[in-house]
Amino acid sequence: MAKVTEKLTQSQCKRAKPKEKDYKLVDGGGLYLLVKANESKLFYYKKQRNGKIYNDALGNLKDITLKEVRVLANKKLAEVENTYKNTEIKALKITF
């Protein structure tokens, strides 16, 4: 069973402080914010196809909002689904 997580907020993303090691703040549906030790904050989404996991960068928190990145992630997931109609894709739609 999938783990249920609370959706991130824009203020949580902005307040995230760097630690010694990189860490993730999970938004759900494969979308997460990677907070790096060098203080950068990058949005990624993860999808699985044919047993392989792919991580795609969506943007830096300085350049894109959480709302915009959710829309972008859904567009990219739709493109992947259209490209690989005959291939099994395990990706959840990201809602907000």
C-alpha atoms as a PDB file:
ATOM      1  CA  MET A   1       0.000   0.000   0.000  1.00  0.00           C
ATOM      2  CA  ALA A   2       1.258   3.471  -0.891  1.00  0.00           C
ATOM      3  CA  LYS A   3       2.401   5.742   1.879  1.00  0.00           C
ATOM      4  CA  VAL A   4       0.115   8.758   2.323  1.00  0.00           C
ATOM      5  CA  THR A   5       1.945  12.062   2.640  1.00  0.00           C
ATOM      6  CA  GLU A   6       0.794  15.597   3.251  1.00  0.00           C
ATOM      7  CA  LYS A   7       1.150  17.969   0.308  1.00  0.00           C
ATOM      8  CA  LEU A   8       3.944  20.509   0.557  1.00  0.00           C
ATOM      9  CA  THR A   9       3.250  24.208   0.775  1.00  0.00           C
ATOM     10  CA  GLN A  10       5.256  26.977  -0.878  1.00  0.00           C
ATOM     11  CA  SER A  11       6.304  28.295   2.548  1.00  0.00           C
ATOM     12  CA  GLN A  12       7.560  24.849   3.638  1.00  0.00           C
ATOM     13  CA  CYS A  13       9.693  24.728   0.525  1.00  0.00           C
ATOM     14  CA  LYS A  14      11.143  28.176   1.136  1.00  0.00           C
ATOM     15  CA  ARG A  15      11.813  27.480   4.832  1.00  0.00           C
ATOM     16  CA  ALA A  16      13.654  24.200   4.201  1.00  0.00           C
ATOM     17  CA  LYS A  17      17.189  24.513   5.527  1.00  0.00           C
ATOM     18  CA  PRO A  18      20.209  22.684   4.110  1.00  0.00           C
ATOM     19  CA  LYS A  19      21.735  19.881   6.166  1.00  0.00           C
ATOM     20  CA  GLU A  20      25.042  18.032   5.953  1.00  0.00           C
ATOM     21  CA  LYS A  21      23.544  15.674   3.370  1.00  0.00           C
ATOM     22  CA  ASP A  22      20.993  16.238   0.626  1.00  0.00           C
ATOM     23  CA  TYR A  23      17.401  15.316   1.549  1.00  0.00           C
ATOM     24  CA  LYS A  24      13.966  15.192  -0.052  1.00  0.00           C
ATOM     25  CA  LEU A  25      10.678  16.824   0.863  1.00  0.00           C
ATOM     26  CA  VAL A  26       7.991  14.657  -0.728  1.00  0.00           C
ATOM     27  CA  ASP A  27       4.875  16.219  -2.242  1.00  0.00           C
ATOM     28  CA  GLY A  28       3.303  13.004  -3.519  1.00  0.00           C
ATOM     29  CA  GLY A  29       2.738  11.405  -6.904  1.00  0.00           C
ATOM     30  CA  GLY A  30       6.469  11.160  -7.498  1.00  0.00           C
ATOM     31  CA  LEU A  31       7.075  14.898  -7.060  1.00  0.00           C
ATOM     32  CA  TYR A  32       9.650  16.041  -4.517  1.00  0.00           C
ATOM     33  CA  LEU A  33      11.894  18.940  -3.584  1.00  0.00           C
ATOM     34  CA  LEU A  34      15.566  18.043  -3.231  1.00  0.00           C
ATOM     35  CA  VAL A  35      17.249  20.277  -0.659  1.00  0.00           C
ATOM     36  CA  LYS A  36      20.967  20.121  -1.318  1.00  0.00           C
ATOM     37  CA  ALA A  37      23.775  20.710   1.152  1.00  0.00           C
ATOM     38  CA  ASN A  38      24.981  23.631  -1.015  1.00  0.00           C
ATOM     39  CA  GLU A  39      21.642  25.418  -0.284  1.00  0.00           C
ATOM     40  CA  SER A  40      20.059  24.865  -3.713  1.00  0.00           C
ATOM     41  CA  LYS A  41      16.486  23.541  -3.845  1.00  0.00           C
ATOM     42  CA  LEU A  42      15.450  21.618  -6.937  1.00  0.00           C
ATOM     43  CA  PHE A  43      12.131  20.090  -7.932  1.00  0.00           C
ATOM     44  CA  TYR A  44      12.157  16.580  -9.394  1.00  0.00           C
ATOM     45  CA  TYR A  45       9.630  13.946 -10.239  1.00  0.00           C
ATOM     46  CA  LYS A  46      10.273  10.258 -10.349  1.00  0.00           C
ATOM     47  CA  LYS A  47       8.620   7.745 -12.639  1.00  0.00           C
ATOM     48  CA  GLN A  48       9.100   4.053 -13.213  1.00  0.00           C
ATOM     49  CA  ARG A  49       9.120   2.436 -16.633  1.00  0.00           C
ATOM     50  CA  ASN A  50      10.027  -1.143 -17.485  1.00  0.00           C
ATOM     51  CA  GLY A  51      11.482  -1.638 -14.021  1.00  0.00           C
ATOM     52  CA  LYS A  52      13.792   1.364 -14.342  1.00  0.00           C
ATOM     53  CA  ILE A  53      13.391   4.491 -12.257  1.00  0.00           C
ATOM     54  CA  TYR A  54      13.853   7.848 -13.952  1.00  0.00           C
ATOM     55  CA  ASN A  55      14.288  11.149 -12.128  1.00  0.00           C
ATOM     56  CA  ASP A  56      13.604  14.293 -14.110  1.00  0.00           C
ATOM     57  CA  ALA A  57      14.499  17.805 -12.968  1.00  0.00           C
ATOM     58  CA  LEU A  58      11.654  20.317 -13.196  1.00  0.00           C
ATOM     59  CA  GLY A  59      13.312  23.480 -11.962  1.00  0.00           C
ATOM     60  CA  ASN A  60      14.868  25.447  -9.157  1.00  0.00           C
ATOM     61  CA  LEU A  61      12.688  26.853  -6.366  1.00  0.00           C
ATOM     62  CA  LYS A  62      14.136  30.303  -7.161  1.00  0.00           C
ATOM     63  CA  ASP A  63      12.690  30.107 -10.685  1.00  0.00           C
ATOM     64  CA  ILE A  64       9.386  28.242 -10.301  1.00  0.00           C
ATOM     65  CA  THR A  65       6.612  27.982  -7.725  1.00  0.00           C
ATOM     66  CA  LEU A  66       5.216  24.782  -6.292  1.00  0.00           C
ATOM     67  CA  LYS A  67       1.934  25.319  -8.113  1.00  0.00           C
ATOM     68  CA  GLU A  68       3.734  25.817 -11.431  1.00  0.00           C
ATOM     69  CA  VAL A  69       5.910  22.749 -10.912  1.00  0.00           C
ATOM     70  CA  ARG A  70       2.837  20.569 -10.260  1.00  0.00           C
ATOM     71  CA  VAL A  71       1.319  21.688 -13.561  1.00  0.00           C
ATOM     72  CA  LEU A  72       4.636  21.114 -15.351  1.00  0.00           C
ATOM     73  CA  ALA A  73       4.987  17.641 -13.825  1.00  0.00           C
ATOM     74  CA  ASN A  74       1.518  16.657 -15.020  1.00  0.00           C
ATOM     75  CA  LYS A  75       2.321  17.913 -18.539  1.00  0.00           C
ATOM     76  CA  LYS A  76       5.558  15.938 -18.629  1.00  0.00           C
ATOM     77  CA  LEU A  77       3.821  12.809 -17.344  1.00  0.00           C
ATOM     78  CA  ALA A  78       1.146  13.186 -20.033  1.00  0.00           C
ATOM     79  CA  GLU A  79       3.872  13.489 -22.694  1.00  0.00           C
ATOM     80  CA  VAL A  80       5.522  10.324 -21.427  1.00  0.00           C
ATOM     81  CA  GLU A  81       2.205   8.461 -21.407  1.00  0.00           C
ATOM     82  CA  ASN A  82       1.524   9.536 -25.008  1.00  0.00           C
ATOM     83  CA  THR A  83       5.036   8.589 -26.101  1.00  0.00           C
ATOM     84  CA  TYR A  84       4.974   5.159 -24.494  1.00  0.00           C
ATOM     85  CA  LYS A  85       1.338   4.089 -24.925  1.00  0.00           C
ATOM     86  CA  ASN A  86       2.370   0.475 -25.401  1.00  0.00           C
ATOM     87  CA  THR A  87       4.783   0.504 -22.449  1.00  0.00           C
ATOM     88  CA  GLU A  88       3.784   0.078 -18.824  1.00  0.00           C
ATOM     89  CA  ILE A  89       4.265   3.341 -16.949  1.00  0.00           C
ATOM     90  CA  LYS A  90       3.729   3.516 -13.221  1.00  0.00           C
ATOM     91  CA  ALA A  91       3.198   7.192 -12.435  1.00  0.00           C
ATOM     92  CA  LEU A  92       0.579   8.913 -10.331  1.00  0.00           C
ATOM     93  CA  LYS A  93      -1.087  12.126 -11.376  1.00  0.00           C
ATOM     94  CA  ILE A  94      -0.100  14.965  -9.111  1.00  0.00           C
ATOM     95  CA  THR A  95      -3.038  16.822  -7.637  1.00  0.00           C
ATOM     96  CA  PHE A  96      -3.316  20.020  -5.670  1.00  0.00           C
END
